[in-house]
Amino acid sequence: MKLTSFFCEILLVVSLVSCAGMFPAPLETPTPAPTETATPTIIWFPATNTPIIFPTQTIAPTEQYHSGVGDPIFPDSFDLPDLWNTPTFSWARAVVTRNRLVLSITGPGPRSITSLRSQPALLDFYAEATATIWLCSGGDQYGMVFRSASGGYYRFTLNCGGQVRLDRGSSGSVTPQTEWMTSGDAPAGAPSEVKIGVWALDGEMRFYLNGNYQFTSRDPFVQAGRLGFFVYANKTTPVTVSFSDLSVYSVFKVSPTPTPTASNTPTP
């Protein structure tokens, strides 16, 4: 019996060993090594972009001048009323007050009134004055009279529609020397203000508004005379214009240098 049990145990062991050979041992899964996280490098002094330095641009001021204008002859601040003739009518009036020459027409037109400076009689000159338009409409006119003498006169005329021209007066009549020209410097209506300039040398005359060249005309009809201002009422509405800050300079011959202007200023 003991022998039989012994052989049975041996058979059992052999069977187990044989079965174990049929089933291979499981493969061991290798444990991955821990991945090292890269530590970013700290840049303590980062590089910066070098700015491009551009040269500073200097803007030159716009020159405001008239070619051919010399030394002052005289200024007139309208503080001496006796230098100006001041006619008075029922329908119009000229008066020097508060450093202004005021010309006004209250009666129905067409009518005009002119005030002239008693002296001097100017031959070649540049004259500039400020006109302040208080009441003006439609075809009403105003402007500067120059070279006024017994033989005639000229006047730089502006109308209240924003146009300019040159007139010549003689024997009680006025004849246009140029056509009406629209100017961006000429006020259209009132109230408004404009600086009027006249340059005259021999038979050549140049005209300016607010320092801007307008046009040139040539006419030797009148060579010398007095300076003044006028207003003209075209219809029934009143007209009032004052003139101030008159300055007169000597002139010399050079070609004109027009300044840029938006106005239509052809040379006749």
Protein backbone atom coordinates (compact mmCIF):
# COMPACT_ATOMS: atom_id res chain seq x y z
CA MET A 1 0.00 0.00 0.00
CA LYS A 2 2.78 2.39 0.89
CA LEU A 3 4.49 1.59 -2.40
CA THR A 4 1.34 2.22 -4.35
CA SER A 5 0.90 5.60 -2.66
CA PHE A 6 4.49 6.46 -3.43
CA PHE A 7 4.07 5.73 -7.13
CA CYS A 8 0.85 7.76 -7.20
CA GLU A 9 2.68 10.81 -5.76
CA ILE A 10 5.43 10.41 -8.33
CA LEU A 11 2.88 10.30 -11.16
CA LEU A 12 1.18 13.40 -9.78
CA VAL A 13 4.45 15.35 -9.70
CA VAL A 14 5.31 14.24 -13.25
CA SER A 15 1.88 15.30 -14.48
CA LEU A 16 2.21 18.72 -12.89
CA VAL A 17 5.64 19.23 -14.41
CA SER A 18 4.37 18.22 -17.85
CA CYS A 19 1.43 20.60 -17.63
CA ALA A 20 3.68 23.43 -16.51
CA GLY A 21 5.67 23.08 -19.74
CA MET A 22 2.51 23.61 -21.78
CA PHE A 23 1.88 27.07 -20.26
CA PRO A 24 4.87 29.44 -20.52
CA ALA A 25 5.50 31.87 -17.72
CA PRO A 26 4.02 35.38 -18.25
CA LEU A 27 6.37 38.04 -19.59
CA GLU A 28 7.30 40.79 -17.21
CA THR A 29 6.26 44.24 -18.41
CA PRO A 30 9.21 46.55 -17.92
CA THR A 31 8.46 49.59 -15.84
CA PRO A 32 9.32 52.72 -17.87
CA ALA A 33 11.89 54.93 -16.39
CA PRO A 34 10.52 58.27 -15.17
CA THR A 35 10.71 60.96 -17.84
CA GLU A 36 12.74 63.97 -16.79
CA THR A 37 10.99 67.33 -17.39
CA ALA A 38 13.37 69.81 -18.99
CA THR A 39 13.78 72.90 -16.85
CA PRO A 40 13.58 76.11 -18.99
CA THR A 41 16.68 78.21 -18.96
CA ILE A 42 16.07 81.54 -17.29
CA ILE A 43 17.38 84.46 -19.35
CA TRP A 44 18.19 87.10 -16.83
CA PHE A 45 19.11 89.85 -19.36
CA PRO A 46 17.01 89.36 -22.53
CA ALA A 47 18.14 91.13 -25.67
CA THR A 48 16.06 94.17 -26.71
CA ASN A 49 15.43 95.65 -30.17
CA THR A 50 17.57 98.68 -30.81
CA PRO A 51 15.20 101.53 -31.87
CA ILE A 52 15.86 103.26 -35.16
CA ILE A 53 16.39 106.95 -34.52
CA PHE A 54 15.09 109.12 -37.34
CA PRO A 55 16.41 112.64 -37.83
CA THR A 56 14.13 115.38 -36.53
CA GLN A 57 12.31 117.16 -39.35
CA THR A 58 12.28 120.91 -39.01
CA ILE A 59 9.22 122.53 -40.56
CA ALA A 60 10.13 125.86 -42.03
CA PRO A 61 7.56 128.64 -41.51
CA THR A 62 5.58 129.73 -44.55
CA GLU A 63 6.92 133.04 -45.78
CA GLN A 64 4.37 135.77 -46.26
CA TYR A 65 5.85 138.56 -48.29
CA HIS A 66 5.44 140.59 -51.45
CA SER A 67 8.27 140.83 -53.91
CA GLY A 68 9.39 144.33 -54.70
CA VAL A 69 8.32 145.93 -51.40
CA GLY A 70 10.84 148.18 -49.69
CA ASP A 71 10.96 150.47 -46.68
CA PRO A 72 7.89 152.00 -45.01
CA ILE A 73 6.84 155.43 -46.27
CA PHE A 74 4.19 156.06 -43.60
CA PRO A 75 1.60 154.24 -41.49
CA ASP A 76 -1.87 155.62 -40.82
CA SER A 77 -3.84 154.40 -37.82
CA PHE A 78 -6.69 156.84 -38.58
CA ASP A 79 -6.02 158.86 -35.47
CA LEU A 80 -5.80 162.18 -37.38
CA PRO A 81 -9.22 162.83 -38.92
CA ASP A 82 -8.04 166.04 -40.61
CA LEU A 83 -5.96 164.00 -43.06
CA TRP A 84 -9.13 162.58 -44.61
CA ASN A 85 -11.98 164.30 -46.40
CA THR A 86 -15.25 163.14 -44.85
CA PRO A 87 -18.26 164.09 -46.99
CA THR A 88 -21.71 163.82 -45.46
CA PHE A 89 -24.99 163.54 -47.37
CA SER A 90 -28.54 162.67 -46.47
CA TRP A 91 -27.98 159.21 -47.95
CA ALA A 92 -24.29 158.58 -47.12
CA ARG A 93 -21.56 159.49 -44.66
CA ALA A 94 -17.79 159.24 -44.19
CA VAL A 95 -16.37 159.55 -40.69
CA VAL A 96 -13.04 158.84 -38.96
CA THR A 97 -13.65 157.35 -35.53
CA ARG A 98 -11.95 154.87 -33.20
CA ASN A 99 -8.97 154.44 -35.53
CA ARG A 100 -11.19 153.59 -38.47
CA LEU A 101 -12.49 155.27 -41.58
CA VAL A 102 -16.17 154.31 -41.79
CA LEU A 103 -18.04 154.68 -45.10
CA SER A 104 -21.77 154.04 -45.11
CA ILE A 105 -24.65 154.42 -47.55
CA THR A 106 -28.21 154.28 -46.24
CA GLY A 107 -30.16 155.64 -49.22
CA PRO A 108 -31.21 153.62 -52.28
CA GLY A 109 -28.59 152.97 -54.96
CA PRO A 110 -26.88 153.05 -57.22
CA ARG A 111 -24.71 155.49 -55.24
CA SER A 112 -21.10 155.64 -54.06
CA ILE A 113 -19.05 157.60 -51.54
CA THR A 114 -15.27 158.09 -51.50
CA SER A 115 -12.85 159.43 -48.90
CA LEU A 116 -9.31 160.47 -49.93
CA ARG A 117 -6.22 161.16 -47.85
CA SER A 118 -5.10 164.76 -48.34
CA GLN A 119 -1.40 163.92 -48.78
CA PRO A 120 0.95 162.76 -50.10
CA ALA A 121 0.47 162.25 -53.83
CA LEU A 122 1.95 158.79 -54.36
CA LEU A 123 3.83 157.79 -57.49
CA ASP A 124 5.22 154.27 -56.89
CA PHE A 125 4.15 152.45 -53.72
CA TYR A 126 2.68 149.43 -52.01
CA ALA A 127 -0.36 150.18 -49.83
CA GLU A 128 -2.18 147.76 -47.57
CA ALA A 129 -5.21 148.21 -45.30
CA THR A 130 -7.82 146.05 -43.56
CA ALA A 131 -11.43 146.31 -44.71
CA THR A 132 -14.18 145.21 -42.30
CA ILE A 133 -17.48 144.60 -44.04
CA TRP A 134 -20.45 145.24 -41.74
CA LEU A 135 -23.35 145.53 -44.21
CA CYS A 136 -23.00 144.38 -47.80
CA SER A 137 -24.97 142.19 -50.22
CA GLY A 138 -25.49 141.36 -53.86
CA GLY A 139 -23.70 143.69 -56.23
CA ASP A 140 -22.51 146.14 -53.56
CA GLN A 141 -18.84 147.10 -53.86
CA TYR A 142 -15.96 148.52 -51.86
CA GLY A 143 -12.21 148.88 -52.19
CA MET A 144 -9.09 151.03 -52.41
CA VAL A 145 -8.75 154.14 -54.57
CA PHE A 146 -5.23 155.07 -55.69
CA ARG A 147 -3.43 157.53 -57.97
CA SER A 148 -6.42 159.83 -57.70
CA ALA A 149 -5.67 163.07 -59.56
CA SER A 150 -7.41 165.61 -61.76
CA GLY A 151 -6.91 163.35 -64.78
CA GLY A 152 -8.56 160.30 -63.21
CA TYR A 153 -7.97 157.50 -60.76
CA TYR A 154 -7.86 153.73 -60.30
CA ARG A 155 -9.64 151.59 -57.77
CA PHE A 156 -9.16 147.99 -56.72
CA THR A 157 -12.77 146.83 -56.44
CA LEU A 158 -14.30 143.94 -54.53
CA ASN A 159 -17.98 143.01 -54.66
CA CYS A 160 -20.00 141.22 -52.02
CA GLY A 161 -20.22 138.09 -54.13
CA GLY A 162 -16.53 137.25 -53.68
CA GLN A 163 -15.15 138.78 -56.90
CA VAL A 164 -12.45 141.34 -57.75
CA ARG A 165 -11.50 143.61 -60.64
CA LEU A 166 -9.67 146.83 -61.54
CA ASP A 167 -11.63 149.99 -62.45
CA ARG A 168 -10.46 153.28 -63.92
CA GLY A 169 -12.33 156.50 -63.32
CA SER A 170 -12.26 159.54 -65.60
CA SER A 171 -14.59 162.45 -66.38
CA GLY A 172 -17.27 161.24 -63.98
CA SER A 173 -17.47 157.68 -65.37
CA VAL A 174 -15.95 154.38 -64.26
CA THR A 175 -14.60 151.89 -66.79
CA PRO A 176 -13.66 148.30 -65.82
CA GLN A 177 -10.09 147.46 -66.79
CA THR A 178 -10.53 143.73 -66.13
CA GLU A 179 -13.44 141.32 -65.99
CA TRP A 180 -14.82 140.20 -62.63
CA MET A 181 -12.63 137.39 -61.25
CA THR A 182 -13.76 135.05 -58.49
CA SER A 183 -11.30 134.90 -55.60
CA GLY A 184 -11.22 132.60 -52.62
CA ASP A 185 -9.77 135.50 -50.61
CA ALA A 186 -12.62 137.91 -51.34
CA PRO A 187 -15.41 137.70 -48.73
CA ALA A 188 -18.86 136.78 -49.96
CA GLY A 189 -21.27 138.70 -47.71
CA ALA A 190 -21.06 140.25 -44.28
CA PRO A 191 -19.85 140.45 -41.58
CA SER A 192 -16.35 139.66 -42.80
CA GLU A 193 -12.84 141.05 -43.06
CA VAL A 194 -10.14 141.18 -45.73
CA LYS A 195 -6.71 142.79 -46.12
CA ILE A 196 -6.46 144.75 -49.38
CA GLY A 197 -3.08 145.42 -51.01
CA VAL A 198 -2.09 147.43 -54.11
CA TRP A 199 1.42 147.48 -55.63
CA ALA A 200 2.07 150.17 -58.29
CA LEU A 201 5.26 150.97 -60.19
CA ASP A 202 5.15 153.03 -63.39
CA GLY A 203 2.34 151.52 -65.46
CA GLU A 204 2.35 148.12 -63.74
CA MET A 205 -0.12 147.34 -60.94
CA ARG A 206 -0.35 144.19 -58.83
CA PHE A 207 -3.19 143.33 -56.49
CA TYR A 208 -3.30 141.29 -53.29
CA LEU A 209 -5.88 140.01 -50.82
CA ASN A 210 -4.82 138.69 -47.42
CA GLY A 211 -1.24 138.69 -48.68
CA ASN A 212 -2.09 136.47 -51.65
CA TYR A 213 -1.34 137.65 -55.17
CA GLN A 214 -4.50 138.06 -57.29
CA PHE A 215 -3.64 139.54 -60.69
CA THR A 216 -1.54 142.10 -62.59
CA SER A 217 -2.69 144.92 -64.85
CA ARG A 218 -0.74 147.46 -66.91
CA ASP A 219 -2.05 150.92 -67.73
CA PRO A 220 -0.09 154.20 -67.91
CA PHE A 221 -3.16 156.46 -67.87
CA VAL A 222 -2.56 157.94 -64.37
CA GLN A 223 0.96 157.95 -62.90
CA ALA A 224 0.54 159.59 -59.48
CA GLY A 225 -2.14 160.75 -57.09
CA ARG A 226 -3.77 160.42 -53.68
CA LEU A 227 -4.90 157.34 -51.84
CA GLY A 228 -8.35 156.58 -50.45
CA PHE A 229 -11.28 154.18 -50.12
CA PHE A 230 -14.84 153.89 -51.45
CA VAL A 231 -18.10 151.98 -51.10
CA TYR A 232 -20.87 151.53 -53.66
CA ALA A 233 -24.51 150.59 -53.05
CA ASN A 234 -26.06 148.75 -55.96
CA LYS A 235 -29.66 148.50 -54.74
CA THR A 236 -31.82 149.57 -51.82
CA THR A 237 -30.00 147.72 -49.02
CA PRO A 238 -27.57 149.73 -46.86
CA VAL A 239 -23.78 149.31 -47.12
CA THR A 240 -21.25 149.91 -44.34
CA VAL A 241 -17.52 149.17 -44.59
CA SER A 242 -14.71 150.42 -42.34
CA PHE A 243 -11.00 150.64 -43.16
CA SER A 244 -8.11 150.46 -40.69
CA ASP A 245 -4.36 149.83 -40.29
CA LEU A 246 -3.18 151.53 -43.45
CA SER A 247 0.52 151.07 -44.28
CA VAL A 248 2.39 152.44 -47.30
CA TYR A 249 5.82 151.23 -48.49
CA SER A 250 8.31 152.02 -51.22
CA VAL A 251 8.66 149.56 -54.10
CA PHE A 252 11.25 148.38 -56.58
CA LYS A 253 11.11 146.39 -59.79
CA VAL A 254 11.21 142.58 -59.55
CA SER A 255 9.11 139.78 -61.01
CA PRO A 256 6.03 138.96 -58.93
CA THR A 257 6.15 135.92 -56.66
CA PRO A 258 2.56 134.76 -56.21
CA THR A 259 1.77 132.82 -53.05
CA PRO A 260 -0.42 129.69 -53.38
CA THR A 261 -4.11 130.52 -53.26
CA ALA A 262 -7.30 128.61 -53.92
CA SER A 263 -8.74 131.48 -55.84
CA ASN A 264 -9.10 131.82 -59.58
CA THR A 265 -6.71 134.63 -60.35
CA PRO A 266 -5.81 134.74 -64.03
CA THR A 267 -3.56 137.46 -65.39
CA PRO A 268 -5.46 139.48 -67.96
